[in-house]
Full PDB file with SEQRES, HELIX, SHEET, SSBOND, CRYST1, ORIGX, SCALE, CONECT and MASTER records, all heavy atoms in Angstrom:
SEQRES   1 A   33  VAL GLU ARG GLY PRO GLY GLY LYS THR VAL TRP CYS GLU          
SEQRES   2 A   33  VAL VAL ARG GLY ARG GLU PRO ALA ASP PHE GLY ASP ILE          
SEQRES   3 A   33  ALA VAL PRO GLY CYS LEU ALA                                  
SHEET    1 AA1 2 GLU A   2  GLY A   4  0                                        
SHEET    2 AA1 2 GLY A   7  THR A   9 -1                                        
CRYST1    1.000    1.000    1.000  90.00  90.00  90.00 P 1           1          
ORIGX1      1.000000  0.000000  0.000000        0.00000                         
ORIGX2      0.000000  1.000000  0.000000        0.00000                         
ORIGX3      0.000000  0.000000  1.000000        0.00000                         
SCALE1      1.000000  0.000000  0.000000        0.00000                         
SCALE2      0.000000  1.000000  0.000000        0.00000                         
SCALE3      0.000000  0.000000  1.000000        0.00000                         
ATOM      1  N   VAL A   1      79.923  33.831  79.958  1.00  0.00           N  
ATOM      2  CA  VAL A   1      79.876  33.845  81.410  1.00  0.00           C  
ATOM      3  C   VAL A   1      78.381  33.839  81.693  1.00  0.00           C  
ATOM      4  O   VAL A   1      77.588  34.598  81.131  1.00  0.00           O  
ATOM      5  CB  VAL A   1      80.475  35.062  82.021  1.00  0.00           C  
ATOM      6  CG1 VAL A   1      80.502  35.077  83.538  1.00  0.00           C  
ATOM      7  CG2 VAL A   1      81.998  35.152  81.497  1.00  0.00           C  
ATOM      8  N   GLU A   2      77.881  33.097  82.719  1.00  0.00           N  
ATOM      9  CA  GLU A   2      76.592  33.081  83.155  1.00  0.00           C  
ATOM     10  C   GLU A   2      76.642  33.439  84.742  1.00  0.00           C  
ATOM     11  O   GLU A   2      77.280  32.729  85.492  1.00  0.00           O  
ATOM     12  CB  GLU A   2      75.907  31.796  82.987  1.00  0.00           C  
ATOM     13  CG  GLU A   2      75.752  31.440  81.566  1.00  0.00           C  
ATOM     14  CD  GLU A   2      75.229  29.981  81.345  1.00  0.00           C  
ATOM     15  OE1 GLU A   2      75.120  29.209  82.370  1.00  0.00           O  
ATOM     16  OE2 GLU A   2      75.100  29.636  80.131  1.00  0.00           O  
ATOM     17  N   ARG A   3      75.852  34.476  85.138  1.00  0.00           N  
ATOM     18  CA  ARG A   3      75.685  34.769  86.548  1.00  0.00           C  
ATOM     19  C   ARG A   3      74.585  34.023  87.038  1.00  0.00           C  
ATOM     20  O   ARG A   3      73.523  33.919  86.428  1.00  0.00           O  
ATOM     21  CB  ARG A   3      75.519  36.282  86.735  1.00  0.00           C  
ATOM     22  CG  ARG A   3      76.728  37.027  86.491  1.00  0.00           C  
ATOM     23  CD  ARG A   3      76.415  38.561  86.859  1.00  0.00           C  
ATOM     24  NE  ARG A   3      77.657  39.257  86.528  1.00  0.00           N  
ATOM     25  CZ  ARG A   3      77.742  40.583  86.843  1.00  0.00           C  
ATOM     26  NH1 ARG A   3      76.825  41.261  87.296  1.00  0.00           N  
ATOM     27  NH2 ARG A   3      78.864  41.171  86.374  1.00  0.00           N  
ATOM     28  N   GLY A   4      74.713  33.607  88.359  1.00  0.00           N  
ATOM     29  CA  GLY A   4      73.604  32.913  88.987  1.00  0.00           C  
ATOM     30  C   GLY A   4      73.535  33.422  90.439  1.00  0.00           C  
ATOM     31  O   GLY A   4      74.395  34.221  90.852  1.00  0.00           O  
ATOM     32  N   PRO A   5      72.590  32.988  91.219  1.00  0.00           N  
ATOM     33  CA  PRO A   5      72.421  33.424  92.556  1.00  0.00           C  
ATOM     34  C   PRO A   5      73.634  32.963  93.487  1.00  0.00           C  
ATOM     35  O   PRO A   5      73.920  33.803  94.422  1.00  0.00           O  
ATOM     36  CB  PRO A   5      71.228  32.714  93.068  1.00  0.00           C  
ATOM     37  CG  PRO A   5      70.943  31.500  92.137  1.00  0.00           C  
ATOM     38  CD  PRO A   5      71.600  31.894  90.868  1.00  0.00           C  
ATOM     39  N   GLY A   6      74.373  31.968  93.140  1.00  0.00           N  
ATOM     40  CA  GLY A   6      75.508  31.544  93.985  1.00  0.00           C  
ATOM     41  C   GLY A   6      76.794  31.873  93.322  1.00  0.00           C  
ATOM     42  O   GLY A   6      77.762  31.326  93.778  1.00  0.00           O  
ATOM     43  N   GLY A   7      76.870  32.713  92.317  1.00  0.00           N  
ATOM     44  CA  GLY A   7      78.209  33.091  91.758  1.00  0.00           C  
ATOM     45  C   GLY A   7      78.128  33.162  90.259  1.00  0.00           C  
ATOM     46  O   GLY A   7      77.161  33.618  89.735  1.00  0.00           O  
ATOM     47  N   LYS A   8      79.128  32.762  89.518  1.00  0.00           N  
ATOM     48  CA  LYS A   8      79.210  32.789  88.173  1.00  0.00           C  
ATOM     49  C   LYS A   8      79.826  31.481  87.548  1.00  0.00           C  
ATOM     50  O   LYS A   8      80.581  30.795  88.339  1.00  0.00           O  
ATOM     51  CB  LYS A   8      79.973  33.973  87.671  1.00  0.00           C  
ATOM     52  CG  LYS A   8      81.434  33.924  87.940  1.00  0.00           C  
ATOM     53  CD  LYS A   8      82.139  35.260  87.292  1.00  0.00           C  
ATOM     54  CE  LYS A   8      83.569  35.266  87.709  1.00  0.00           C  
ATOM     55  NZ  LYS A   8      83.797  35.405  89.147  1.00  0.00           N  
ATOM     56  N   THR A   9      79.455  31.224  86.262  1.00  0.00           N  
ATOM     57  CA  THR A   9      79.998  30.134  85.585  1.00  0.00           C  
ATOM     58  C   THR A   9      80.697  30.593  84.284  1.00  0.00           C  
ATOM     59  O   THR A   9      79.953  31.264  83.495  1.00  0.00           O  
ATOM     60  CB  THR A   9      78.951  29.002  85.316  1.00  0.00           C  
ATOM     61  OG1 THR A   9      78.328  28.534  86.479  1.00  0.00           O  
ATOM     62  CG2 THR A   9      79.518  27.863  84.512  1.00  0.00           C  
ATOM     63  N   VAL A  10      81.954  30.352  84.177  1.00  0.00           N  
ATOM     64  CA  VAL A  10      82.615  30.667  82.889  1.00  0.00           C  
ATOM     65  C   VAL A  10      82.661  29.303  82.110  1.00  0.00           C  
ATOM     66  O   VAL A  10      83.012  28.350  82.625  1.00  0.00           O  
ATOM     67  CB  VAL A  10      84.049  31.151  83.191  1.00  0.00           C  
ATOM     68  CG1 VAL A  10      84.672  31.580  81.780  1.00  0.00           C  
ATOM     69  CG2 VAL A  10      84.063  32.355  84.130  1.00  0.00           C  
ATOM     70  N   TRP A  11      82.227  29.381  80.874  1.00  0.00           N  
ATOM     71  CA  TRP A  11      82.152  28.175  80.100  1.00  0.00           C  
ATOM     72  C   TRP A  11      82.652  28.339  78.694  1.00  0.00           C  
ATOM     73  O   TRP A  11      82.808  29.545  78.224  1.00  0.00           O  
ATOM     74  CB  TRP A  11      80.589  27.719  79.987  1.00  0.00           C  
ATOM     75  CG  TRP A  11      79.778  28.803  79.338  1.00  0.00           C  
ATOM     76  CD1 TRP A  11      79.030  29.800  80.013  1.00  0.00           C  
ATOM     77  CD2 TRP A  11      79.518  28.984  77.968  1.00  0.00           C  
ATOM     78  NE1 TRP A  11      78.542  30.569  79.184  1.00  0.00           N  
ATOM     79  CE2 TRP A  11      78.593  30.146  77.873  1.00  0.00           C  
ATOM     80  CE3 TRP A  11      79.949  28.256  76.777  1.00  0.00           C  
ATOM     81  CZ2 TRP A  11      78.280  30.621  76.556  1.00  0.00           C  
ATOM     82  CZ3 TRP A  11      79.501  28.767  75.556  1.00  0.00           C  
ATOM     83  CH2 TRP A  11      78.669  29.834  75.466  1.00  0.00           C  
ATOM     84  N   CYS A  12      82.961  27.218  78.053  1.00  0.00           N  
ATOM     85  CA  CYS A  12      83.306  27.217  76.739  1.00  0.00           C  
ATOM     86  C   CYS A  12      82.861  25.936  76.024  1.00  0.00           C  
ATOM     87  O   CYS A  12      82.753  24.950  76.722  1.00  0.00           O  
ATOM     88  CB  CYS A  12      84.864  27.459  76.548  1.00  0.00           C  
ATOM     89  SG  CYS A  12      85.866  26.161  77.117  1.00  0.00           S  
ATOM     90  N   GLU A  13      82.799  25.928  74.698  1.00  0.00           N  
ATOM     91  CA  GLU A  13      82.434  24.788  73.938  1.00  0.00           C  
ATOM     92  C   GLU A  13      83.535  24.504  72.952  1.00  0.00           C  
ATOM     93  O   GLU A  13      83.880  25.433  72.202  1.00  0.00           O  
ATOM     94  CB  GLU A  13      81.087  24.922  73.240  1.00  0.00           C  
ATOM     95  CG  GLU A  13      79.915  25.044  74.240  1.00  0.00           C  
ATOM     96  CD  GLU A  13      78.657  25.199  73.603  1.00  0.00           C  
ATOM     97  OE1 GLU A  13      78.485  25.273  72.308  1.00  0.00           O  
ATOM     98  OE2 GLU A  13      77.673  25.439  74.334  1.00  0.00           O  
ATOM     99  N   VAL A  14      84.095  23.258  72.959  1.00  0.00           N  
ATOM    100  CA  VAL A  14      85.142  22.984  72.087  1.00  0.00           C  
ATOM    101  C   VAL A  14      84.778  21.856  71.166  1.00  0.00           C  
ATOM    102  O   VAL A  14      83.931  21.010  71.495  1.00  0.00           O  
ATOM    103  CB  VAL A  14      86.363  22.689  72.798  1.00  0.00           C  
ATOM    104  CG1 VAL A  14      86.952  23.731  73.617  1.00  0.00           C  
ATOM    105  CG2 VAL A  14      86.276  21.347  73.740  1.00  0.00           C  
ATOM    106  N   VAL A  15      85.399  21.705  70.001  1.00  0.00           N  
ATOM    107  CA  VAL A  15      85.267  20.539  69.054  1.00  0.00           C  
ATOM    108  C   VAL A  15      86.125  19.501  69.606  1.00  0.00           C  
ATOM    109  O   VAL A  15      87.347  19.778  69.720  1.00  0.00           O  
ATOM    110  CB  VAL A  15      85.513  21.010  67.633  1.00  0.00           C  
ATOM    111  CG1 VAL A  15      85.480  19.773  66.729  1.00  0.00           C  
ATOM    112  CG2 VAL A  15      84.550  22.047  67.175  1.00  0.00           C  
ATOM    113  N   ARG A  16      85.577  18.273  69.777  1.00  0.00           N  
ATOM    114  CA  ARG A  16      86.405  17.238  70.209  1.00  0.00           C  
ATOM    115  C   ARG A  16      86.944  16.452  69.009  1.00  0.00           C  
ATOM    116  O   ARG A  16      86.409  16.418  67.974  1.00  0.00           O  
ATOM    117  CB  ARG A  16      85.588  16.172  71.054  1.00  0.00           C  
ATOM    118  CG  ARG A  16      85.054  16.847  72.334  1.00  0.00           C  
ATOM    119  CD  ARG A  16      84.204  15.934  73.156  1.00  0.00           C  
ATOM    120  NE  ARG A  16      83.224  15.294  72.337  1.00  0.00           N  
ATOM    121  CZ  ARG A  16      82.919  14.028  72.450  1.00  0.00           C  
ATOM    122  NH1 ARG A  16      83.436  13.207  73.158  1.00  0.00           N  
ATOM    123  NH2 ARG A  16      81.891  13.666  71.595  1.00  0.00           N  
ATOM    124  N   GLY A  17      88.190  15.821  69.271  1.00  0.00           N  
ATOM    125  CA  GLY A  17      88.700  14.970  68.241  1.00  0.00           C  
ATOM    126  C   GLY A  17      89.538  15.641  67.153  1.00  0.00           C  
ATOM    127  O   GLY A  17      90.025  14.945  66.243  1.00  0.00           O  
ATOM    128  N   ARG A  18      89.753  16.854  67.243  1.00  0.00           N  
ATOM    129  CA  ARG A  18      90.665  17.531  66.344  1.00  0.00           C  
ATOM    130  C   ARG A  18      92.063  17.508  66.769  1.00  0.00           C  
ATOM    131  O   ARG A  18      92.313  17.368  67.999  1.00  0.00           O  
ATOM    132  CB  ARG A  18      90.053  18.918  65.936  1.00  0.00           C  
ATOM    133  CG  ARG A  18      90.334  19.920  67.123  1.00  0.00           C  
ATOM    134  CD  ARG A  18      89.946  21.340  66.625  1.00  0.00           C  
ATOM    135  NE  ARG A  18      90.404  22.224  67.670  1.00  0.00           N  
ATOM    136  CZ  ARG A  18      90.279  23.503  67.616  1.00  0.00           C  
ATOM    137  NH1 ARG A  18      89.538  24.156  66.676  1.00  0.00           N  
ATOM    138  NH2 ARG A  18      90.637  24.232  68.638  1.00  0.00           N  
ATOM    139  N   GLU A  19      93.069  17.685  65.900  1.00  0.00           N  
ATOM    140  CA  GLU A  19      94.451  17.672  66.275  1.00  0.00           C  
ATOM    141  C   GLU A  19      94.655  18.911  67.185  1.00  0.00           C  
ATOM    142  O   GLU A  19      94.143  19.939  66.943  1.00  0.00           O  
ATOM    143  CB  GLU A  19      95.317  17.712  65.127  1.00  0.00           C  
ATOM    144  CG  GLU A  19      95.270  16.420  64.275  1.00  0.00           C  
ATOM    145  CD  GLU A  19      95.846  15.258  65.076  1.00  0.00           C  
ATOM    146  OE1 GLU A  19      96.792  15.409  65.677  1.00  0.00           O  
ATOM    147  OE2 GLU A  19      95.236  14.126  65.104  1.00  0.00           O  
ATOM    148  N   PRO A  20      95.553  18.790  68.201  1.00  0.00           N  
ATOM    149  CA  PRO A  20      95.908  19.930  69.037  1.00  0.00           C  
ATOM    150  C   PRO A  20      96.645  20.934  68.144  1.00  0.00           C  
ATOM    151  O   PRO A  20      97.351  20.551  67.344  1.00  0.00           O  
ATOM    152  CB  PRO A  20      96.700  19.330  70.253  1.00  0.00           C  
ATOM    153  CG  PRO A  20      97.255  18.034  69.607  1.00  0.00           C  
ATOM    154  CD  PRO A  20      96.169  17.527  68.561  1.00  0.00           C  
ATOM    155  N   ALA A  21      96.440  22.179  68.541  1.00  0.00           N  
ATOM    156  CA  ALA A  21      97.213  23.276  67.886  1.00  0.00           C  
ATOM    157  C   ALA A  21      98.694  23.124  68.226  1.00  0.00           C  
ATOM    158  O   ALA A  21      99.024  22.569  69.270  1.00  0.00           O  
ATOM    159  CB  ALA A  21      96.610  24.705  68.326  1.00  0.00           C  
ATOM    160  N   ASP A  22      99.552  23.374  67.264  1.00  0.00           N  
ATOM    161  CA  ASP A  22     100.965  23.464  67.557  1.00  0.00           C  
ATOM    162  C   ASP A  22     101.457  24.744  68.045  1.00  0.00           C  
ATOM    163  O   ASP A  22     101.610  25.601  67.174  1.00  0.00           O  
ATOM    164  CB  ASP A  22     101.674  22.940  66.221  1.00  0.00           C  
ATOM    165  CG  ASP A  22     103.185  22.763  66.457  1.00  0.00           C  
ATOM    166  OD1 ASP A  22     103.661  22.874  67.571  1.00  0.00           O  
ATOM    167  OD2 ASP A  22     103.854  22.625  65.362  1.00  0.00           O  
ATOM    168  N   PHE A  23     101.707  24.901  69.364  1.00  0.00           N  
ATOM    169  CA  PHE A  23     102.194  26.068  69.850  1.00  0.00           C  
ATOM    170  C   PHE A  23     103.711  26.070  69.940  1.00  0.00           C  
ATOM    171  O   PHE A  23     104.349  27.047  70.406  1.00  0.00           O  
ATOM    172  CB  PHE A  23     101.595  26.314  71.305  1.00  0.00           C  
ATOM    173  CG  PHE A  23     100.139  26.641  71.237  1.00  0.00           C  
ATOM    174  CD1 PHE A  23      99.284  25.676  71.793  1.00  0.00           C  
ATOM    175  CD2 PHE A  23      99.685  27.703  70.698  1.00  0.00           C  
ATOM    176  CE1 PHE A  23      97.915  25.915  71.781  1.00  0.00           C  
ATOM    177  CE2 PHE A  23      98.244  27.932  70.571  1.00  0.00           C  
ATOM    178  CZ  PHE A  23      97.422  27.076  71.181  1.00  0.00           C  
ATOM    179  N   GLY A  24     104.377  25.125  69.427  1.00  0.00           N  
ATOM    180  CA  GLY A  24     105.850  25.011  69.465  1.00  0.00           C  
ATOM    181  C   GLY A  24     106.270  24.777  70.841  1.00  0.00           C  
ATOM    182  O   GLY A  24     105.542  24.202  71.717  1.00  0.00           O  
ATOM    183  N   ASP A  25     107.441  25.137  71.090  1.00  0.00           N  
ATOM    184  CA  ASP A  25     108.113  24.954  72.437  1.00  0.00           C  
ATOM    185  C   ASP A  25     107.868  26.139  73.346  1.00  0.00           C  
ATOM    186  O   ASP A  25     108.736  27.014  73.495  1.00  0.00           O  
ATOM    187  CB  ASP A  25     109.598  24.821  72.389  1.00  0.00           C  
ATOM    188  CG  ASP A  25     110.149  23.544  72.934  1.00  0.00           C  
ATOM    189  OD1 ASP A  25     109.333  22.772  73.440  1.00  0.00           O  
ATOM    190  OD2 ASP A  25     111.335  23.274  72.732  1.00  0.00           O  
ATOM    191  N   ILE A  26     106.703  26.317  73.941  1.00  0.00           N  
ATOM    192  CA  ILE A  26     106.269  27.271  74.871  1.00  0.00           C  
ATOM    193  C   ILE A  26     106.459  26.972  76.252  1.00  0.00           C  
ATOM    194  O   ILE A  26     105.856  26.060  76.701  1.00  0.00           O  
ATOM    195  CB  ILE A  26     104.879  27.934  74.499  1.00  0.00           C  
ATOM    196  CG1 ILE A  26     104.683  28.375  72.988  1.00  0.00           C  
ATOM    197  CG2 ILE A  26     104.502  28.938  75.474  1.00  0.00           C  
ATOM    198  CD1 ILE A  26     103.396  28.750  72.607  1.00  0.00           C  
ATOM    199  N   ALA A  27     107.247  27.660  76.920  1.00  0.00           N  
ATOM    200  CA  ALA A  27     107.330  27.505  78.418  1.00  0.00           C  
ATOM    201  C   ALA A  27     107.401  28.901  78.978  1.00  0.00           C  
ATOM    202  O   ALA A  27     108.424  29.668  78.737  1.00  0.00           O  
ATOM    203  CB  ALA A  27     108.526  26.646  78.762  1.00  0.00           C  
ATOM    204  N   VAL A  28     106.422  29.229  79.661  1.00  0.00           N  
ATOM    205  CA  VAL A  28     106.323  30.656  80.260  1.00  0.00           C  
ATOM    206  C   VAL A  28     106.540  30.558  81.771  1.00  0.00           C  
ATOM    207  O   VAL A  28     105.623  30.098  82.472  1.00  0.00           O  
ATOM    208  CB  VAL A  28     105.020  31.355  79.914  1.00  0.00           C  
ATOM    209  CG1 VAL A  28     104.990  32.719  80.491  1.00  0.00           C  
ATOM    210  CG2 VAL A  28     104.784  31.354  78.462  1.00  0.00           C  
ATOM    211  N   PRO A  29     107.711  30.962  82.200  1.00  0.00           N  
ATOM    212  CA  PRO A  29     107.979  30.848  83.696  1.00  0.00           C  
ATOM    213  C   PRO A  29     107.071  31.794  84.556  1.00  0.00           C  
ATOM    214  O   PRO A  29     106.719  32.876  83.961  1.00  0.00           O  
ATOM    215  CB  PRO A  29     109.455  31.291  83.805  1.00  0.00           C  
ATOM    216  CG  PRO A  29     109.911  31.822  82.549  1.00  0.00           C  
ATOM    217  CD  PRO A  29     108.752  31.542  81.550  1.00  0.00           C  
ATOM    218  N   GLY A  30     106.536  31.243  85.640  1.00  0.00           N  
ATOM    219  CA  GLY A  30     105.692  31.983  86.488  1.00  0.00           C  
ATOM    220  C   GLY A  30     104.263  31.782  86.230  1.00  0.00           C  
ATOM    221  O   GLY A  30     103.478  32.112  87.095  1.00  0.00           O  
ATOM    222  N   CYS A  31     103.727  31.266  85.196  1.00  0.00           N  
ATOM    223  CA  CYS A  31     102.347  30.955  84.851  1.00  0.00           C  
ATOM    224  C   CYS A  31     101.979  29.712  85.573  1.00  0.00           C  
ATOM    225  O   CYS A  31     102.813  28.703  85.552  1.00  0.00           O  
ATOM    226  CB  CYS A  31     102.088  31.035  83.447  1.00  0.00           C  
ATOM    227  SG  CYS A  31     102.156  32.656  82.690  1.00  0.00           S  
ATOM    228  N   LEU A  32     100.729  29.591  85.910  1.00  0.00           N  
ATOM    229  CA  LEU A  32     100.197  28.417  86.698  1.00  0.00           C  
ATOM    230  C   LEU A  32      99.948  27.257  85.759  1.00  0.00           C  
ATOM    231  O   LEU A  32     100.294  26.077  86.087  1.00  0.00           O  
ATOM    232  CB  LEU A  32      99.084  28.712  87.471  1.00  0.00           C  
ATOM    233  CG  LEU A  32      99.298  29.691  88.611  1.00  0.00           C  
ATOM    234  CD1 LEU A  32      97.931  30.121  89.268  1.00  0.00           C  
ATOM    235  CD2 LEU A  32     100.150  29.097  89.627  1.00  0.00           C  
ATOM    236  N   ALA A  33      99.205  27.494  84.697  1.00  0.00           N  
ATOM    237  CA  ALA A  33      98.825  26.329  83.902  1.00  0.00           C  
ATOM    238  C   ALA A  33      99.667  26.226  82.569  1.00  0.00           C  
ATOM    239  O   ALA A  33      99.814  27.248  81.831  1.00  0.00           O  
ATOM    240  CB  ALA A  33      97.343  26.593  83.434  1.00  0.00           C  
TER     241      ALA A  33                                                      
MASTER        0    0    0    0    2    0    0    6  240    1    0    3          
END                                                                             
């Protein structure tokens, strides 16, 4: 997280091109994403 004069930025760095993780059949009712 970086704070600035106009708020904050939450950031992350990911490796591109790798296979997605297998989380199986996950469906969580009520969550947004």
